[in-house]
Amino acid sequence: MIFSVIDLETTGLSAKTGDRILEIGVTRLSPDGKIVETLDTLINPGRAVEATHVHGISDEMVRDAPDFRDIIPHLYSVLDGTVIAAHNASFDIGFLREEFRRSGTSLPFITPVCTLIMARKYLSSLKSRSLASCRTYLALPDDGAHNALADARSAAYLLKYFIEKFNPDINAKMFVSNLPDYSGGLFDETPYLKPRSAHRERH
């Protein structure tokens, strides 16, 4: 089973009331437990960023970032054939569904794996099972909170820990791309992406 662990930074907490994705990070956890970075980009939300004090993303940083619809083919090719996992998966999947809907397509039906639910089961002694609390408790690598790729990597480490230590019974439906393959080999061209690090390097 191959996992794609996702994390998002957003303008707020409610996709249904107009909040949008600002950044997406996807880290793949291979069958042998190797963690591989696969996707990292800021997203232009088409509205004010807000809450910069939380995620560190400014309006300037996303001004020339791709729209969500522009990365959909590449995102589909990254996720295809993998089981999606996230810390508080319902939050991330809810935002993804709304972004796909706004873009005129739909997120394929999946049943994601949630490391927050696992943490509530396996780390019940913790007062908080936030990603930061779990990371600190287990002394996992800390690459920076509220950075989509760094948090996706932390969630991947957490998932790997739960699998290796507790061998949970995972019944999940993998992501299967429903986009047509126009190229004879999924999507020959990688779209323009803008990792947060690229913005820092220019300043």
N, C-alpha and C. Protein backbone atom coordinates (compact mmCIF):
# COMPACT_ATOMS: atom_id res chain seq x y z
N MET A 1 0.85 -1.19 0.00
CA MET A 1 0.00 0.00 0.00
C MET A 1 0.89 1.24 0.00
N ILE A 2 0.67 2.12 -0.95
CA ILE A 2 1.44 3.36 -1.06
C ILE A 2 0.56 4.52 -0.60
N PHE A 3 1.10 5.36 0.27
CA PHE A 3 0.35 6.49 0.81
C PHE A 3 0.86 7.80 0.24
N SER A 4 -0.07 8.69 -0.04
CA SER A 4 0.25 10.09 -0.34
C SER A 4 -0.28 10.91 0.83
N VAL A 5 0.63 11.50 1.59
CA VAL A 5 0.25 12.24 2.78
C VAL A 5 0.17 13.72 2.41
N ILE A 6 -0.98 14.32 2.68
CA ILE A 6 -1.28 15.68 2.23
C ILE A 6 -1.38 16.63 3.41
N ASP A 7 -0.94 17.86 3.19
CA ASP A 7 -1.24 18.94 4.12
C ASP A 7 -1.52 20.21 3.34
N LEU A 8 -2.44 21.00 3.86
CA LEU A 8 -2.83 22.25 3.22
C LEU A 8 -2.67 23.42 4.17
N GLU A 9 -2.35 24.59 3.62
CA GLU A 9 -2.51 25.85 4.33
C GLU A 9 -3.65 26.60 3.63
N THR A 10 -4.51 27.21 4.41
CA THR A 10 -5.72 27.81 3.85
C THR A 10 -5.95 29.22 4.39
N THR A 11 -6.86 29.95 3.73
CA THR A 11 -7.16 31.32 4.16
C THR A 11 -7.97 31.34 5.45
N GLY A 12 -8.62 30.24 5.78
CA GLY A 12 -9.45 30.15 6.98
C GLY A 12 -9.85 28.70 7.22
N LEU A 13 -10.90 28.52 7.98
CA LEU A 13 -11.27 27.17 8.43
C LEU A 13 -12.45 26.55 7.70
N SER A 14 -13.13 27.31 6.83
CA SER A 14 -14.36 26.80 6.23
C SER A 14 -14.34 26.90 4.71
N ALA A 15 -14.17 25.75 4.05
CA ALA A 15 -14.20 25.72 2.59
C ALA A 15 -15.59 26.06 2.07
N LYS A 16 -16.62 25.74 2.83
CA LYS A 16 -18.00 25.96 2.39
C LYS A 16 -18.38 27.44 2.36
N THR A 17 -17.68 28.26 3.13
CA THR A 17 -18.03 29.68 3.19
C THR A 17 -17.03 30.55 2.44
N GLY A 18 -16.23 29.95 1.59
CA GLY A 18 -15.37 30.74 0.70
C GLY A 18 -13.90 30.75 1.01
N ASP A 19 -13.47 30.08 2.07
CA ASP A 19 -12.03 30.00 2.31
C ASP A 19 -11.38 29.12 1.25
N ARG A 20 -10.11 29.41 0.96
CA ARG A 20 -9.45 28.76 -0.16
C ARG A 20 -8.09 28.19 0.25
N ILE A 21 -7.58 27.29 -0.58
CA ILE A 21 -6.26 26.71 -0.36
C ILE A 21 -5.18 27.71 -0.77
N LEU A 22 -4.16 27.85 0.08
CA LEU A 22 -3.02 28.73 -0.19
C LEU A 22 -1.76 27.96 -0.54
N GLU A 23 -1.66 26.75 -0.03
CA GLU A 23 -0.44 25.96 -0.22
C GLU A 23 -0.79 24.49 -0.08
N ILE A 24 -0.17 23.67 -0.90
CA ILE A 24 -0.39 22.22 -0.80
C ILE A 24 0.96 21.52 -0.79
N GLY A 25 1.09 20.57 0.12
CA GLY A 25 2.28 19.73 0.18
C GLY A 25 1.85 18.28 0.18
N VAL A 26 2.50 17.47 -0.63
CA VAL A 26 2.21 16.03 -0.69
C VAL A 26 3.52 15.28 -0.53
N THR A 27 3.54 14.36 0.41
CA THR A 27 4.71 13.52 0.65
C THR A 27 4.30 12.07 0.51
N ARG A 28 5.03 11.33 -0.27
CA ARG A 28 4.68 9.92 -0.50
C ARG A 28 5.44 9.02 0.46
N LEU A 29 4.73 8.05 1.01
CA LEU A 29 5.33 7.04 1.88
C LEU A 29 5.28 5.72 1.11
N SER A 30 6.44 5.26 0.68
CA SER A 30 6.52 4.08 -0.17
C SER A 30 6.31 2.81 0.65
N PRO A 31 6.08 1.66 -0.02
CA PRO A 31 5.84 0.41 0.71
C PRO A 31 6.98 0.02 1.65
N ASP A 32 8.21 0.44 1.33
CA ASP A 32 9.34 0.09 2.19
C ASP A 32 9.59 1.15 3.26
N GLY A 33 8.66 2.12 3.38
CA GLY A 33 8.76 3.10 4.45
C GLY A 33 9.57 4.34 4.12
N LYS A 34 10.02 4.45 2.89
CA LYS A 34 10.81 5.62 2.50
C LYS A 34 9.89 6.81 2.26
N ILE A 35 10.28 7.97 2.76
CA ILE A 35 9.49 9.18 2.60
C ILE A 35 10.07 10.00 1.46
N VAL A 36 9.22 10.28 0.47
CA VAL A 36 9.66 10.98 -0.74
C VAL A 36 8.76 12.18 -0.97
N GLU A 37 9.35 13.35 -1.17
CA GLU A 37 8.57 14.54 -1.47
C GLU A 37 8.12 14.49 -2.92
N THR A 38 6.84 14.80 -3.14
CA THR A 38 6.33 14.69 -4.50
C THR A 38 5.69 15.98 -5.03
N LEU A 39 5.16 16.82 -4.17
CA LEU A 39 4.50 18.03 -4.64
C LEU A 39 4.56 19.11 -3.56
N ASP A 40 4.92 20.32 -3.97
CA ASP A 40 5.06 21.42 -3.02
C ASP A 40 4.84 22.72 -3.78
N THR A 41 3.75 23.41 -3.51
CA THR A 41 3.52 24.68 -4.20
C THR A 41 2.55 25.58 -3.44
N LEU A 42 2.79 26.88 -3.56
CA LEU A 42 1.80 27.87 -3.14
C LEU A 42 0.70 27.90 -4.18
N ILE A 43 -0.48 28.36 -3.78
CA ILE A 43 -1.64 28.45 -4.66
C ILE A 43 -2.21 29.87 -4.58
N ASN A 44 -2.53 30.45 -5.71
CA ASN A 44 -3.20 31.75 -5.72
C ASN A 44 -4.68 31.52 -5.41
N PRO A 45 -5.17 32.06 -4.27
CA PRO A 45 -6.56 31.77 -3.88
C PRO A 45 -7.59 32.65 -4.58
N GLY A 46 -7.13 33.65 -5.30
CA GLY A 46 -8.08 34.55 -5.95
C GLY A 46 -8.82 35.46 -4.99
N ARG A 47 -8.26 35.64 -3.81
CA ARG A 47 -8.85 36.49 -2.77
C ARG A 47 -7.75 36.84 -1.77
N ALA A 48 -8.09 37.66 -0.80
CA ALA A 48 -7.11 38.05 0.22
C ALA A 48 -6.65 36.82 1.00
N VAL A 49 -5.38 36.80 1.36
CA VAL A 49 -4.79 35.67 2.06
C VAL A 49 -5.31 35.56 3.49
N GLU A 50 -5.21 36.64 4.26
CA GLU A 50 -5.62 36.66 5.67
C GLU A 50 -4.80 35.68 6.52
N ALA A 51 -4.83 35.88 7.82
CA ALA A 51 -4.17 34.99 8.80
C ALA A 51 -2.70 34.72 8.49
N THR A 52 -2.02 35.72 7.93
CA THR A 52 -0.59 35.55 7.64
C THR A 52 0.19 35.22 8.91
N HIS A 53 -0.29 35.72 10.06
CA HIS A 53 0.41 35.46 11.32
C HIS A 53 0.40 33.97 11.69
N VAL A 54 -0.54 33.21 11.09
CA VAL A 54 -0.62 31.77 11.38
C VAL A 54 0.28 30.97 10.45
N HIS A 55 0.11 31.18 9.15
CA HIS A 55 0.81 30.33 8.17
C HIS A 55 2.02 31.00 7.52
N GLY A 56 2.21 32.29 7.74
CA GLY A 56 3.38 32.96 7.19
C GLY A 56 3.31 33.24 5.71
N ILE A 57 2.14 33.10 5.11
CA ILE A 57 1.97 33.33 3.67
C ILE A 57 1.32 34.70 3.47
N SER A 58 1.91 35.51 2.60
CA SER A 58 1.40 36.85 2.34
C SER A 58 0.75 36.91 0.96
N ASP A 59 0.01 38.00 0.72
CA ASP A 59 -0.59 38.21 -0.60
C ASP A 59 0.48 38.28 -1.68
N GLU A 60 1.61 38.91 -1.36
CA GLU A 60 2.70 39.01 -2.33
C GLU A 60 3.22 37.64 -2.74
N MET A 61 3.30 36.72 -1.79
CA MET A 61 3.86 35.39 -2.06
C MET A 61 3.01 34.60 -3.04
N VAL A 62 1.70 34.80 -3.02
CA VAL A 62 0.82 33.99 -3.88
C VAL A 62 0.41 34.72 -5.15
N ARG A 63 0.85 35.96 -5.31
CA ARG A 63 0.39 36.77 -6.44
C ARG A 63 0.67 36.10 -7.78
N ASP A 64 1.86 35.52 -7.93
CA ASP A 64 2.19 34.87 -9.20
C ASP A 64 2.24 33.35 -9.07
N ALA A 65 1.59 32.81 -8.03
CA ALA A 65 1.49 31.35 -7.86
C ALA A 65 0.40 30.81 -8.78
N PRO A 66 0.43 29.53 -9.10
CA PRO A 66 -0.61 28.96 -9.97
C PRO A 66 -1.96 28.92 -9.29
N ASP A 67 -3.04 29.00 -10.08
CA ASP A 67 -4.37 28.73 -9.57
C ASP A 67 -4.50 27.23 -9.31
N PHE A 68 -5.43 26.86 -8.45
CA PHE A 68 -5.60 25.44 -8.15
C PHE A 68 -5.90 24.65 -9.41
N ARG A 69 -6.76 25.19 -10.27
CA ARG A 69 -7.15 24.44 -11.47
C ARG A 69 -5.95 24.13 -12.35
N ASP A 70 -4.89 24.95 -12.26
CA ASP A 70 -3.73 24.74 -13.11
C ASP A 70 -2.88 23.55 -12.67
N ILE A 71 -3.00 23.15 -11.41
CA ILE A 71 -2.17 22.03 -10.94
C ILE A 71 -2.95 20.72 -10.89
N ILE A 72 -4.24 20.75 -11.24
CA ILE A 72 -5.06 19.54 -11.11
C ILE A 72 -4.48 18.33 -11.87
N PRO A 73 -4.11 18.46 -13.15
CA PRO A 73 -3.57 17.27 -13.83
C PRO A 73 -2.33 16.70 -13.14
N HIS A 74 -1.45 17.59 -12.69
CA HIS A 74 -0.24 17.12 -12.01
C HIS A 74 -0.58 16.49 -10.66
N LEU A 75 -1.51 17.11 -9.94
CA LEU A 75 -1.93 16.56 -8.65
C LEU A 75 -2.54 15.18 -8.82
N TYR A 76 -3.38 15.03 -9.85
CA TYR A 76 -3.99 13.73 -10.12
C TYR A 76 -2.91 12.69 -10.41
N SER A 77 -1.90 13.05 -11.19
CA SER A 77 -0.87 12.07 -11.54
C SER A 77 -0.05 11.68 -10.33
N VAL A 78 0.13 12.62 -9.38
CA VAL A 78 0.87 12.32 -8.16
C VAL A 78 0.08 11.38 -7.25
N LEU A 79 -1.24 11.64 -7.13
CA LEU A 79 -2.07 10.87 -6.20
C LEU A 79 -2.55 9.54 -6.76
N ASP A 80 -2.54 9.40 -8.06
CA ASP A 80 -3.13 8.23 -8.71
C ASP A 80 -2.53 6.93 -8.18
N GLY A 81 -3.39 6.02 -7.73
CA GLY A 81 -2.96 4.72 -7.26
C GLY A 81 -2.45 4.70 -5.84
N THR A 82 -2.64 5.79 -5.10
CA THR A 82 -2.18 5.84 -3.72
C THR A 82 -3.36 6.05 -2.78
N VAL A 83 -3.14 5.73 -1.51
CA VAL A 83 -4.12 5.99 -0.46
C VAL A 83 -3.77 7.34 0.16
N ILE A 84 -4.74 8.24 0.20
CA ILE A 84 -4.50 9.58 0.75
C ILE A 84 -4.59 9.53 2.27
N ALA A 85 -3.63 10.18 2.91
CA ALA A 85 -3.62 10.30 4.36
C ALA A 85 -3.37 11.75 4.73
N ALA A 86 -3.86 12.14 5.90
CA ALA A 86 -3.64 13.50 6.40
C ALA A 86 -3.92 13.52 7.89
N HIS A 87 -3.43 14.54 8.55
CA HIS A 87 -3.73 14.75 9.96
C HIS A 87 -4.95 15.65 10.02
N ASN A 88 -6.07 15.10 10.49
CA ASN A 88 -7.39 15.73 10.39
C ASN A 88 -7.83 15.71 8.93
N ALA A 89 -7.94 14.51 8.40
CA ALA A 89 -8.19 14.30 6.97
C ALA A 89 -9.48 14.94 6.50
N SER A 90 -10.51 14.98 7.33
CA SER A 90 -11.79 15.55 6.90
C SER A 90 -11.63 17.02 6.51
N PHE A 91 -10.75 17.74 7.20
CA PHE A 91 -10.49 19.14 6.88
C PHE A 91 -9.86 19.26 5.50
N ASP A 92 -8.79 18.53 5.27
CA ASP A 92 -8.07 18.62 3.99
C ASP A 92 -8.92 18.14 2.83
N ILE A 93 -9.61 17.02 3.02
CA ILE A 93 -10.43 16.48 1.94
C ILE A 93 -11.59 17.42 1.63
N GLY A 94 -12.16 18.05 2.65
CA GLY A 94 -13.23 19.01 2.43
C GLY A 94 -12.77 20.17 1.55
N PHE A 95 -11.59 20.70 1.83
CA PHE A 95 -11.07 21.79 1.01
C PHE A 95 -10.75 21.32 -0.41
N LEU A 96 -10.18 20.14 -0.54
CA LEU A 96 -9.89 19.62 -1.88
C LEU A 96 -11.16 19.44 -2.70
N ARG A 97 -12.21 18.91 -2.08
CA ARG A 97 -13.46 18.71 -2.80
C ARG A 97 -14.01 20.04 -3.32
N GLU A 98 -13.95 21.07 -2.48
CA GLU A 98 -14.46 22.38 -2.89
C GLU A 98 -13.62 22.98 -4.01
N GLU A 99 -12.31 22.84 -3.93
CA GLU A 99 -11.46 23.38 -4.98
C GLU A 99 -11.69 22.65 -6.31
N PHE A 100 -11.84 21.34 -6.24
CA PHE A 100 -12.14 20.59 -7.47
C PHE A 100 -13.49 21.03 -8.04
N ARG A 101 -14.47 21.22 -7.17
CA ARG A 101 -15.81 21.64 -7.63
C ARG A 101 -15.73 23.00 -8.31
N ARG A 102 -15.02 23.94 -7.71
CA ARG A 102 -14.89 25.27 -8.31
C ARG A 102 -14.18 25.21 -9.66
N SER A 103 -13.34 24.21 -9.83
CA SER A 103 -12.57 24.07 -11.07
C SER A 103 -13.34 23.30 -12.14
N GLY A 104 -14.55 22.88 -11.84
CA GLY A 104 -15.39 22.21 -12.82
C GLY A 104 -15.16 20.72 -12.93
N THR A 105 -14.52 20.13 -11.94
CA THR A 105 -14.32 18.68 -11.92
C THR A 105 -14.66 18.17 -10.53
N SER A 106 -14.31 16.95 -10.24
CA SER A 106 -14.66 16.41 -8.93
C SER A 106 -13.52 15.53 -8.41
N LEU A 107 -13.40 15.49 -7.11
CA LEU A 107 -12.43 14.61 -6.47
C LEU A 107 -12.99 13.19 -6.50
N PRO A 108 -12.25 12.22 -7.01
CA PRO A 108 -12.75 10.84 -7.02
C PRO A 108 -13.11 10.38 -5.60
N PHE A 109 -14.05 9.46 -5.51
CA PHE A 109 -14.44 8.95 -4.20
C PHE A 109 -13.27 8.20 -3.57
N ILE A 110 -12.94 8.60 -2.36
CA ILE A 110 -11.85 7.95 -1.63
C ILE A 110 -12.25 7.79 -0.17
N THR A 111 -11.57 6.91 0.53
CA THR A 111 -11.68 6.85 1.99
C THR A 111 -10.27 7.08 2.52
N PRO A 112 -9.99 8.27 3.02
CA PRO A 112 -8.63 8.59 3.44
C PRO A 112 -8.27 7.97 4.79
N VAL A 113 -7.00 7.97 5.09
CA VAL A 113 -6.49 7.56 6.39
C VAL A 113 -6.21 8.83 7.18
N CYS A 114 -6.66 8.88 8.43
CA CYS A 114 -6.50 10.07 9.26
C CYS A 114 -5.56 9.78 10.43
N THR A 115 -4.40 10.45 10.45
CA THR A 115 -3.46 10.23 11.54
C THR A 115 -3.94 10.87 12.85
N LEU A 116 -4.87 11.84 12.76
CA LEU A 116 -5.44 12.40 13.99
C LEU A 116 -6.30 11.35 14.70
N ILE A 117 -7.11 10.62 13.93
CA ILE A 117 -7.92 9.55 14.51
C ILE A 117 -7.01 8.47 15.10
N MET A 118 -5.94 8.14 14.40
CA MET A 118 -4.99 7.16 14.93
C MET A 118 -4.36 7.67 16.23
N ALA A 119 -4.02 8.96 16.27
CA ALA A 119 -3.40 9.53 17.46
C ALA A 119 -4.36 9.47 18.65
N ARG A 120 -5.63 9.71 18.41
CA ARG A 120 -6.61 9.62 19.50
C ARG A 120 -6.69 8.21 20.05
N LYS A 121 -6.44 7.23 19.19
CA LYS A 121 -6.50 5.83 19.62
C LYS A 121 -5.19 5.39 20.28
N TYR A 122 -4.07 5.72 19.66
CA TYR A 122 -2.79 5.17 20.11
C TYR A 122 -2.01 6.09 21.05
N LEU A 123 -2.35 7.38 21.06
CA LEU A 123 -1.67 8.33 21.93
C LEU A 123 -2.69 8.99 22.87
N SER A 124 -3.52 8.17 23.46
CA SER A 124 -4.64 8.67 24.25
C SER A 124 -4.21 9.43 25.51
N SER A 125 -2.97 9.25 25.93
CA SER A 125 -2.51 9.93 27.14
C SER A 125 -2.19 11.41 26.88
N LEU A 126 -2.06 11.79 25.63
CA LEU A 126 -1.75 13.18 25.31
C LEU A 126 -2.98 14.06 25.49
N LYS A 127 -2.79 15.24 26.06
CA LYS A 127 -3.91 16.18 26.18
C LYS A 127 -4.31 16.73 24.82
N SER A 128 -3.33 16.92 23.97
CA SER A 128 -3.57 17.40 22.61
C SER A 128 -2.97 16.42 21.63
N ARG A 129 -3.73 16.10 20.59
CA ARG A 129 -3.20 15.23 19.55
C ARG A 129 -2.98 16.02 18.25
N SER A 130 -2.69 17.30 18.42
CA SER A 130 -2.33 18.11 17.25
C SER A 130 -1.06 17.53 16.64
N LEU A 131 -0.82 17.88 15.40
CA LEU A 131 0.38 17.36 14.73
C LEU A 131 1.63 17.79 15.46
N ALA A 132 1.67 19.03 15.93
CA ALA A 132 2.84 19.52 16.65
C ALA A 132 3.04 18.75 17.96
N SER A 133 1.94 18.48 18.68
CA SER A 133 2.05 17.75 19.95
C SER A 133 2.53 16.32 19.73
N CYS A 134 1.99 15.66 18.71
CA CYS A 134 2.40 14.29 18.39
C CYS A 134 3.87 14.25 17.99
N ARG A 135 4.27 15.22 17.20
CA ARG A 135 5.65 15.28 16.73
C ARG A 135 6.61 15.45 17.91
N THR A 136 6.24 16.34 18.83
CA THR A 136 7.09 16.57 20.00
C THR A 136 7.15 15.34 20.89
N TYR A 137 5.99 14.72 21.13
CA TYR A 137 5.91 13.56 22.02
C TYR A 137 6.75 12.40 21.50
N LEU A 138 6.73 12.20 20.19
CA LEU A 138 7.44 11.07 19.60
C LEU A 138 8.84 11.44 19.13
N ALA A 139 9.24 12.70 19.38
CA ALA A 139 10.56 13.18 18.97
C ALA A 139 10.79 12.97 17.48
N LEU A 140 9.75 13.27 16.69
CA LEU A 140 9.87 13.15 15.25
C LEU A 140 10.57 14.39 14.69
N PRO A 141 11.16 14.29 13.51
CA PRO A 141 11.82 15.45 12.91
C PRO A 141 10.86 16.63 12.80
N ASP A 142 11.34 17.82 13.12
CA ASP A 142 10.53 19.04 13.10
C ASP A 142 11.06 19.95 12.00
N ASP A 143 10.32 20.02 10.90
CA ASP A 143 10.75 20.85 9.77
C ASP A 143 9.98 22.16 9.69
N GLY A 144 9.23 22.48 10.74
CA GLY A 144 8.50 23.75 10.75
C GLY A 144 7.01 23.57 10.63
N ALA A 145 6.26 24.13 11.59
CA ALA A 145 4.80 24.01 11.57
C ALA A 145 4.18 25.04 10.62
N HIS A 146 2.98 24.73 10.16
CA HIS A 146 2.22 25.61 9.27
C HIS A 146 2.99 25.92 7.99
N ASN A 147 3.66 24.91 7.50
CA ASN A 147 4.27 24.89 6.19
C ASN A 147 3.79 23.58 5.58
N ALA A 148 3.08 23.64 4.46
CA ALA A 148 2.36 22.46 3.97
C ALA A 148 3.27 21.25 3.75
N LEU A 149 4.40 21.45 3.10
CA LEU A 149 5.26 20.30 2.84
C LEU A 149 5.86 19.76 4.13
N ALA A 150 6.29 20.66 5.01
CA ALA A 150 6.89 20.23 6.29
C ALA A 150 5.86 19.47 7.12
N ASP A 151 4.62 19.96 7.15
CA ASP A 151 3.59 19.27 7.92
C ASP A 151 3.18 17.95 7.27
N ALA A 152 3.18 17.90 5.93
CA ALA A 152 2.90 16.64 5.25
C ALA A 152 3.98 15.61 5.58
N ARG A 153 5.22 16.08 5.64
CA ARG A 153 6.33 15.18 5.99
C ARG A 153 6.18 14.68 7.43
N SER A 154 5.79 15.59 8.35
CA SER A 154 5.59 15.19 9.74
C SER A 154 4.47 14.17 9.87
N ALA A 155 3.38 14.40 9.14
CA ALA A 155 2.26 13.46 9.17
C ALA A 155 2.67 12.11 8.59
N ALA A 156 3.55 12.13 7.59
CA ALA A 156 4.05 10.87 7.01
C ALA A 156 4.90 10.11 8.03
N TYR A 157 5.75 10.83 8.75
CA TYR A 157 6.53 10.19 9.82
C TYR A 157 5.60 9.59 10.87
N LEU A 158 4.54 10.33 11.22
CA LEU A 158 3.58 9.86 12.22
C LEU A 158 2.86 8.61 11.73
N LEU A 159 2.42 8.63 10.48
CA LEU A 159 1.76 7.46 9.90
C LEU A 159 2.69 6.26 9.90
N LYS A 160 3.94 6.48 9.50
CA LYS A 160 4.92 5.40 9.49
C LYS A 160 5.09 4.82 10.89
N TYR A 161 5.15 5.68 11.89
CA TYR A 161 5.28 5.23 13.28
C TYR A 161 4.11 4.34 13.68
N PHE A 162 2.88 4.79 13.39
CA PHE A 162 1.69 4.01 13.77
C PHE A 162 1.67 2.66 13.06
N ILE A 163 2.03 2.64 11.80
CA ILE A 163 2.01 1.38 11.04
C ILE A 163 3.04 0.41 11.59
N GLU A 164 4.24 0.90 11.85
CA GLU A 164 5.30 0.02 12.31
C GLU A 164 5.09 -0.47 13.74
N LYS A 165 4.53 0.38 14.60
CA LYS A 165 4.39 0.02 16.01
C LYS A 165 3.09 -0.73 16.30
N PHE A 166 2.00 -0.36 15.62
CA PHE A 166 0.69 -0.91 15.97
C PHE A 166 0.06 -1.76 14.88
N ASN A 167 0.63 -1.74 13.67
CA ASN A 167 0.11 -2.53 12.56
C ASN A 167 -1.42 -2.42 12.46
N PRO A 168 -1.94 -1.20 12.31
CA PRO A 168 -3.40 -1.02 12.28
C PRO A 168 -4.02 -1.66 11.05
N ASP A 169 -5.28 -2.05 11.20
CA ASP A 169 -6.03 -2.59 10.07
C ASP A 169 -6.55 -1.41 9.25
N ILE A 170 -5.97 -1.19 8.09
CA ILE A 170 -6.33 -0.04 7.26
C ILE A 170 -7.20 -0.49 6.10
N ASN A 171 -8.43 -0.05 6.11
CA ASN A 171 -9.35 -0.31 5.01
C ASN A 171 -9.65 1.03 4.32
N ALA A 172 -8.93 1.29 3.28
CA ALA A 172 -9.05 2.59 2.62
C ALA A 172 -9.17 2.40 1.12
N LYS A 173 -9.94 3.28 0.49
CA LYS A 173 -10.09 3.25 -0.96
C LYS A 173 -9.10 4.21 -1.58
N MET A 174 -8.25 3.69 -2.46
CA MET A 174 -7.20 4.53 -3.04
C MET A 174 -7.77 5.52 -4.04
N PHE A 175 -6.95 6.52 -4.33
CA PHE A 175 -7.27 7.54 -5.32
C PHE A 175 -7.03 6.96 -6.71
N VAL A 176 -8.04 7.00 -7.56
CA VAL A 176 -7.91 6.54 -8.94
C VAL A 176 -8.28 7.70 -9.85
N SER A 177 -7.34 8.15 -10.65
CA SER A 177 -7.57 9.32 -11.50
C SER A 177 -8.72 9.06 -12.47
N ASN A 178 -9.61 10.06 -12.59
CA ASN A 178 -10.69 9.97 -13.57
C ASN A 178 -10.50 10.97 -14.70
N LEU A 179 -9.30 11.51 -14.80
CA LEU A 179 -8.99 12.41 -15.90
C LEU A 179 -8.52 11.61 -17.11
N PRO A 180 -8.87 12.06 -18.32
CA PRO A 180 -8.39 11.36 -19.51
C PRO A 180 -6.89 11.52 -19.67
N ASP A 181 -6.25 10.50 -20.21
CA ASP A 181 -4.82 10.53 -20.48
C ASP A 181 -4.63 10.92 -21.94
N TYR A 182 -4.31 12.18 -22.16
CA TYR A 182 -4.17 12.67 -23.53
C TYR A 182 -2.80 12.40 -24.13
N SER A 183 -1.85 12.03 -23.28
CA SER A 183 -0.46 12.02 -23.73
C SER A 183 0.10 10.64 -24.02
N GLY A 184 -0.63 9.58 -23.64
CA GLY A 184 -0.10 8.25 -23.80
C GLY A 184 0.83 7.87 -22.66
N GLY A 185 0.95 8.73 -21.70
CA GLY A 185 1.79 8.55 -20.53
C GLY A 185 1.46 9.74 -19.66
N LEU A 186 0.87 9.55 -18.52
CA LEU A 186 0.19 10.63 -17.81
C LEU A 186 0.95 11.95 -17.82
N PHE A 187 0.38 12.93 -18.52
CA PHE A 187 0.78 14.32 -18.39
C PHE A 187 2.29 14.51 -18.54
N ASP A 188 2.70 14.68 -19.77
CA ASP A 188 4.12 14.81 -20.08
C ASP A 188 4.75 16.05 -19.44
N GLU A 189 3.97 17.12 -19.33
CA GLU A 189 4.54 18.38 -18.88
C GLU A 189 4.14 18.67 -17.43
N THR A 190 5.13 19.01 -16.63
CA THR A 190 4.87 19.43 -15.26
C THR A 190 4.49 20.90 -15.27
N PRO A 191 3.40 21.28 -14.61
CA PRO A 191 2.96 22.67 -14.64
C PRO A 191 3.89 23.56 -13.82
N TYR A 192 3.71 24.85 -14.00
CA TYR A 192 4.45 25.80 -13.18
C TYR A 192 4.02 25.65 -11.72
N LEU A 193 4.98 25.41 -10.86
CA LEU A 193 4.73 25.32 -9.42
C LEU A 193 5.57 26.38 -8.73
N LYS A 194 5.13 26.80 -7.56
CA LYS A 194 5.87 27.80 -6.80
C LYS A 194 6.01 27.37 -5.35
N PRO A 195 7.05 26.62 -5.01
CA PRO A 195 7.28 26.28 -3.61
C PRO A 195 7.54 27.53 -2.79
N ARG A 196 7.20 27.48 -1.53
CA ARG A 196 7.45 28.62 -0.64
C ARG A 196 8.94 28.98 -0.63
N SER A 197 9.80 27.97 -0.71
CA SER A 197 11.24 28.21 -0.70
C SER A 197 11.68 29.05 -1.89
N ALA A 198 11.01 28.92 -3.03
CA ALA A 198 11.37 29.69 -4.22
C ALA A 198 11.14 31.18 -3.99
N HIS A 199 10.09 31.51 -3.24
CA HIS A 199 9.82 32.91 -2.94
C HIS A 199 10.90 33.46 -2.03
N ARG A 200 11.31 32.67 -1.03
CA ARG A 200 12.35 33.14 -0.10
C ARG A 200 13.67 33.38 -0.84
N GLU A 201 13.97 32.51 -1.80
CA GLU A 201 15.25 32.62 -2.50
C GLU A 201 15.35 33.90 -3.33
N ARG A 202 14.19 34.46 -3.72
CA ARG A 202 14.21 35.66 -4.56
C ARG A 202 14.35 36.92 -3.72
N HIS A 203 14.25 36.79 -2.39
CA HIS A 203 14.27 37.98 -1.53
C HIS A 203 15.48 37.96 -0.60
